[in-house]
C-alpha cells in the first residue's frame, strides 16, 4: 500500500495507549466541596417572584392567528413590544378569571 506524504506527520498518527489513558479526566466527586458551595451561594441572586412559562403546542384556527398577528402589528406600530404569546396568555388569564367570577 502506498503512503501519502502526510503519513509520517505527527498530526495524522494515532496516540499511544499510554497517552490516551493519561489524558483521561478524573472522576467527579459526588459531594460538593466547601469552596464550591461557598462560591455558588455568593453568586446566587434572589429573582423576583414571577410566573414560570412552559411551552405547549396548541392548535388554533387560521382566522384566530391572523387576528393575533394583526393585534401584534398594531401594538408594535404604537411602540409597544408584544408577542403572540403575551396576547394569548393575557386572554387566557381574562377568560379564567371570568370563569372564576361566574
N, C-alpha and C. Protein backbone atom coordinates (compact mmCIF):
# COMPACT_ATOMS: atom_id res chain seq x y z
N UNK A 1 0.84 -1.17 0.00
CA UNK A 1 0.00 0.00 0.00
C UNK A 1 0.89 1.24 0.00
N UNK A 2 0.56 2.21 -0.83
CA UNK A 2 1.37 3.41 -0.98
C UNK A 2 0.97 4.43 0.10
N UNK A 3 1.97 5.00 0.78
CA UNK A 3 1.72 6.02 1.80
C UNK A 3 1.73 7.39 1.17
N UNK A 4 0.86 8.28 1.68
CA UNK A 4 0.88 9.66 1.19
C UNK A 4 2.02 10.40 1.87
N UNK A 5 2.30 11.59 1.42
CA UNK A 5 3.38 12.38 2.00
C UNK A 5 3.09 12.81 3.43
N UNK A 6 1.84 12.76 3.85
CA UNK A 6 1.45 13.19 5.20
C UNK A 6 1.41 12.03 6.20
N UNK A 7 1.69 10.83 5.75
CA UNK A 7 1.58 9.67 6.62
C UNK A 7 2.55 9.73 7.79
N UNK A 8 3.68 10.39 7.61
CA UNK A 8 4.67 10.48 8.69
C UNK A 8 4.45 11.69 9.59
N UNK A 9 3.45 12.50 9.29
CA UNK A 9 3.18 13.70 10.10
C UNK A 9 2.63 13.29 11.46
N UNK A 10 3.11 13.93 12.55
CA UNK A 10 2.59 13.61 13.88
C UNK A 10 1.10 13.90 14.02
N UNK A 11 0.60 14.81 13.20
CA UNK A 11 -0.81 15.16 13.26
C UNK A 11 -1.69 13.97 12.89
N UNK A 12 -1.24 13.15 11.95
CA UNK A 12 -2.04 12.04 11.45
C UNK A 12 -1.72 10.72 12.13
N UNK A 13 -0.85 10.72 13.13
CA UNK A 13 -0.52 9.49 13.82
C UNK A 13 -1.45 9.30 15.01
N UNK A 14 -1.86 8.05 15.23
CA UNK A 14 -2.73 7.75 16.37
C UNK A 14 -1.93 7.86 17.66
N UNK A 15 -2.53 8.39 18.73
CA UNK A 15 -1.81 8.48 20.00
C UNK A 15 -1.57 7.09 20.57
N UNK A 16 -0.53 6.99 21.37
CA UNK A 16 -0.24 5.70 22.00
C UNK A 16 -1.28 5.45 23.08
N UNK A 17 -1.42 4.19 23.49
CA UNK A 17 -2.40 3.87 24.53
C UNK A 17 -2.07 4.56 25.84
N UNK A 18 -0.77 4.79 26.11
CA UNK A 18 -0.38 5.48 27.34
C UNK A 18 -0.88 6.93 27.30
N UNK A 19 -0.78 7.60 26.14
CA UNK A 19 -1.26 8.97 26.01
C UNK A 19 -2.77 9.06 26.17
N UNK A 20 -3.47 8.08 25.65
CA UNK A 20 -4.93 8.08 25.74
C UNK A 20 -5.37 7.95 27.19
N UNK A 21 -4.79 7.02 27.93
CA UNK A 21 -5.22 6.79 29.31
C UNK A 21 -4.72 7.87 30.25
N UNK A 22 -3.59 8.49 29.99
CA UNK A 22 -3.09 9.51 30.89
C UNK A 22 -3.86 10.82 30.75
N UNK A 23 -4.53 11.02 29.61
CA UNK A 23 -5.27 12.27 29.42
C UNK A 23 -6.72 12.17 29.85
N UNK A 24 -7.10 11.02 30.40
CA UNK A 24 -8.49 10.85 30.84
C UNK A 24 -8.79 11.81 31.98
N UNK A 25 -10.02 12.32 32.03
CA UNK A 25 -10.40 13.25 33.09
C UNK A 25 -10.63 12.49 34.38
N UNK A 26 -10.30 13.10 35.51
CA UNK A 26 -10.51 12.42 36.79
C UNK A 26 -12.00 12.27 37.08
N UNK A 27 -12.32 11.32 37.92
CA UNK A 27 -13.73 11.12 38.28
C UNK A 27 -14.23 12.30 39.09
N UNK A 28 -15.48 12.64 38.90
CA UNK A 28 -16.08 13.75 39.63
C UNK A 28 -16.58 13.26 40.97
N UNK A 29 -16.31 14.01 42.02
CA UNK A 29 -16.79 13.64 43.35
C UNK A 29 -18.27 13.95 43.44
N UNK A 30 -19.01 13.09 44.10
CA UNK A 30 -20.45 13.28 44.18
C UNK A 30 -20.84 14.36 45.18
N UNK A 31 -19.98 14.65 46.14
CA UNK A 31 -20.31 15.66 47.14
C UNK A 31 -19.61 16.97 46.81
N UNK A 32 -20.32 18.10 46.92
CA UNK A 32 -19.66 19.38 46.64
C UNK A 32 -18.64 19.72 47.72
N UNK A 33 -17.58 20.38 47.32
CA UNK A 33 -16.59 20.81 48.31
C UNK A 33 -17.07 22.10 48.95
N UNK A 34 -16.49 22.45 50.08
CA UNK A 34 -16.90 23.68 50.77
C UNK A 34 -16.63 24.90 49.92
N UNK A 35 -15.51 24.91 49.22
CA UNK A 35 -15.15 26.07 48.40
C UNK A 35 -16.18 26.27 47.30
N UNK A 36 -16.53 25.21 46.60
CA UNK A 36 -17.50 25.35 45.51
C UNK A 36 -18.87 25.73 46.06
N UNK A 37 -19.26 25.18 47.19
CA UNK A 37 -20.56 25.52 47.77
C UNK A 37 -20.61 26.99 48.16
N UNK A 38 -19.52 27.49 48.77
CA UNK A 38 -19.48 28.90 49.15
C UNK A 38 -19.54 29.80 47.93
N UNK A 39 -18.82 29.44 46.89
CA UNK A 39 -18.81 30.26 45.69
C UNK A 39 -20.19 30.31 45.07
N UNK A 40 -20.88 29.21 45.07
CA UNK A 40 -22.22 29.19 44.48
C UNK A 40 -23.18 30.07 45.28
N UNK A 41 -23.10 30.02 46.61
CA UNK A 41 -24.03 30.80 47.41
C UNK A 41 -23.76 32.29 47.27
N UNK A 42 -22.48 32.69 47.04
CA UNK A 42 -22.17 34.10 46.84
C UNK A 42 -22.75 34.60 45.53
N UNK A 43 -22.75 33.77 44.51
CA UNK A 43 -23.24 34.17 43.19
C UNK A 43 -24.75 34.11 43.10
N UNK A 44 -25.39 33.40 44.00
CA UNK A 44 -26.84 33.20 43.92
C UNK A 44 -27.55 34.53 44.16
N UNK A 45 -28.48 34.85 43.30
CA UNK A 45 -29.27 36.07 43.46
C UNK A 45 -30.72 35.70 43.65
N UNK A 46 -31.44 36.55 44.31
CA UNK A 46 -32.86 36.32 44.52
C UNK A 46 -33.60 36.91 43.34
N UNK A 47 -34.33 36.08 42.64
CA UNK A 47 -35.08 36.54 41.49
C UNK A 47 -36.46 37.03 41.93
N UNK A 48 -37.00 38.00 41.24
CA UNK A 48 -38.35 38.47 41.59
C UNK A 48 -39.37 37.36 41.36
N UNK A 49 -40.39 37.37 42.19
CA UNK A 49 -41.44 36.35 42.04
C UNK A 49 -42.18 36.61 40.74
N UNK A 50 -42.24 35.61 39.91
CA UNK A 50 -42.99 35.72 38.65
C UNK A 50 -43.48 34.34 38.26
N UNK A 51 -44.38 34.35 37.34
CA UNK A 51 -44.95 33.09 36.88
C UNK A 51 -44.00 32.44 35.89
N UNK A 52 -43.77 31.18 36.05
CA UNK A 52 -42.94 30.45 35.11
C UNK A 52 -43.74 30.12 33.87
N UNK A 53 -43.10 30.21 32.73
CA UNK A 53 -43.79 29.85 31.50
C UNK A 53 -43.29 28.49 31.02
N UNK A 54 -44.12 27.81 30.30
CA UNK A 54 -43.80 26.49 29.78
C UNK A 54 -44.34 26.40 28.36
N UNK A 55 -43.59 25.81 27.47
CA UNK A 55 -44.01 25.72 26.06
C UNK A 55 -44.96 24.54 25.87
N UNK A 56 -46.08 24.83 25.22
CA UNK A 56 -47.05 23.81 24.84
C UNK A 56 -47.44 24.03 23.40
N UNK A 57 -47.90 22.99 22.77
CA UNK A 57 -48.36 23.10 21.40
C UNK A 57 -49.88 23.00 21.39
N UNK A 58 -50.52 24.04 20.87
CA UNK A 58 -51.96 24.05 20.75
C UNK A 58 -52.32 24.32 19.30
N UNK A 59 -53.51 23.93 18.92
CA UNK A 59 -53.98 24.20 17.58
C UNK A 59 -54.95 25.38 17.62
N UNK A 60 -54.76 26.30 16.69
CA UNK A 60 -55.61 27.48 16.58
C UNK A 60 -56.20 27.52 15.18
N UNK A 61 -57.30 28.22 15.04
CA UNK A 61 -57.89 28.43 13.73
C UNK A 61 -57.09 29.51 13.01
N UNK A 62 -57.05 29.43 11.68
CA UNK A 62 -56.29 30.39 10.89
C UNK A 62 -56.74 31.83 11.16
N UNK A 63 -58.06 32.04 11.25
CA UNK A 63 -58.55 33.40 11.49
C UNK A 63 -58.12 33.93 12.86
N UNK A 64 -57.98 33.04 13.85
CA UNK A 64 -57.51 33.46 15.16
C UNK A 64 -56.05 33.92 15.09
N UNK A 65 -55.22 33.17 14.37
CA UNK A 65 -53.81 33.54 14.22
C UNK A 65 -53.69 34.86 13.47
N UNK A 66 -54.49 35.04 12.41
CA UNK A 66 -54.44 36.29 11.65
C UNK A 66 -54.82 37.48 12.54
N UNK A 67 -55.84 37.29 13.38
CA UNK A 67 -56.26 38.37 14.28
C UNK A 67 -55.17 38.67 15.31
N UNK A 68 -54.56 37.62 15.85
CA UNK A 68 -53.47 37.82 16.81
C UNK A 68 -52.31 38.58 16.17
N UNK A 69 -51.96 38.21 14.94
CA UNK A 69 -50.86 38.89 14.25
C UNK A 69 -51.20 40.35 13.97
N UNK A 70 -52.48 40.62 13.64
CA UNK A 70 -52.90 42.00 13.42
C UNK A 70 -52.79 42.81 14.70
N UNK A 71 -53.24 42.23 15.83
CA UNK A 71 -53.14 42.91 17.12
C UNK A 71 -51.68 43.19 17.49
N UNK A 72 -50.82 42.23 17.22
CA UNK A 72 -49.39 42.39 17.49
C UNK A 72 -48.83 43.53 16.64
N UNK A 73 -49.17 43.55 15.35
CA UNK A 73 -48.70 44.60 14.45
C UNK A 73 -49.17 45.97 14.92
N UNK A 74 -50.44 46.07 15.31
CA UNK A 74 -50.98 47.35 15.78
C UNK A 74 -50.27 47.82 17.04
N UNK A 75 -50.01 46.91 17.95
CA UNK A 75 -49.31 47.27 19.19
C UNK A 75 -47.88 47.73 18.89
N UNK A 76 -47.21 47.02 17.98
CA UNK A 76 -45.83 47.39 17.64
C UNK A 76 -45.77 48.71 16.89
N UNK A 77 -46.79 49.02 16.10
CA UNK A 77 -46.80 50.30 15.38
C UNK A 77 -46.98 51.47 16.34
N UNK A 78 -47.47 51.19 17.55
CA UNK A 78 -47.61 52.21 18.59
C UNK A 78 -46.43 52.20 19.56
N UNK A 79 -45.39 51.42 19.21
CA UNK A 79 -44.17 51.41 20.02
C UNK A 79 -44.14 50.38 21.14
N UNK A 80 -45.14 49.54 21.24
CA UNK A 80 -45.17 48.52 22.29
C UNK A 80 -44.44 47.27 21.81
N UNK A 81 -43.79 46.59 22.75
CA UNK A 81 -43.21 45.28 22.43
C UNK A 81 -44.20 44.24 22.91
N UNK A 82 -44.67 43.43 22.01
CA UNK A 82 -45.71 42.47 22.33
C UNK A 82 -45.50 41.22 21.49
N UNK A 83 -45.62 40.06 22.12
CA UNK A 83 -45.51 38.81 21.38
C UNK A 83 -46.88 38.16 21.29
N UNK A 84 -47.01 37.23 20.37
CA UNK A 84 -48.26 36.49 20.26
C UNK A 84 -48.53 35.74 21.56
N UNK A 85 -47.50 35.21 22.18
CA UNK A 85 -47.66 34.50 23.45
C UNK A 85 -48.20 35.43 24.53
N UNK A 86 -47.69 36.69 24.56
CA UNK A 86 -48.19 37.66 25.54
C UNK A 86 -49.69 37.85 25.39
N UNK A 87 -50.14 38.00 24.14
CA UNK A 87 -51.56 38.23 23.88
C UNK A 87 -52.39 37.03 24.33
N UNK A 88 -51.95 35.84 23.97
CA UNK A 88 -52.70 34.63 24.30
C UNK A 88 -52.73 34.41 25.81
N UNK A 89 -51.60 34.65 26.49
CA UNK A 89 -51.57 34.47 27.95
C UNK A 89 -52.53 35.43 28.64
N UNK A 90 -52.53 36.70 28.19
CA UNK A 90 -53.43 37.68 28.79
C UNK A 90 -54.88 37.31 28.54
N UNK A 91 -55.19 36.89 27.32
CA UNK A 91 -56.57 36.49 27.00
C UNK A 91 -57.00 35.29 27.83
N UNK A 92 -56.10 34.33 28.01
CA UNK A 92 -56.42 33.15 28.82
C UNK A 92 -56.62 33.53 30.28
N UNK A 93 -55.78 34.42 30.80
CA UNK A 93 -55.96 34.90 32.18
C UNK A 93 -57.33 35.55 32.36
N UNK A 94 -57.72 36.39 31.41
CA UNK A 94 -59.02 37.05 31.49
C UNK A 94 -60.17 36.04 31.42
N UNK A 95 -60.03 35.06 30.54
CA UNK A 95 -61.06 34.02 30.40
C UNK A 95 -61.16 33.20 31.70
N UNK A 96 -60.04 32.81 32.27
CA UNK A 96 -60.06 32.02 33.50
C UNK A 96 -60.61 32.84 34.67
N UNK A 97 -60.28 34.12 34.72
CA UNK A 97 -60.82 35.00 35.76
C UNK A 97 -62.34 35.12 35.60
N UNK A 98 -62.80 35.22 34.38
CA UNK A 98 -64.24 35.29 34.11
C UNK A 98 -64.93 34.01 34.59
N UNK A 99 -64.32 32.88 34.34
CA UNK A 99 -64.92 31.60 34.80
C UNK A 99 -64.99 31.54 36.33
N UNK A 100 -63.97 32.06 36.99
CA UNK A 100 -63.96 32.04 38.46
C UNK A 100 -65.06 32.93 39.04
N UNK A 101 -65.29 34.07 38.37
CA UNK A 101 -66.27 35.02 38.90
C UNK A 101 -67.71 34.67 38.52
N UNK A 102 -67.90 33.72 37.64
CA UNK A 102 -69.25 33.35 37.21
C UNK A 102 -69.92 32.42 38.17
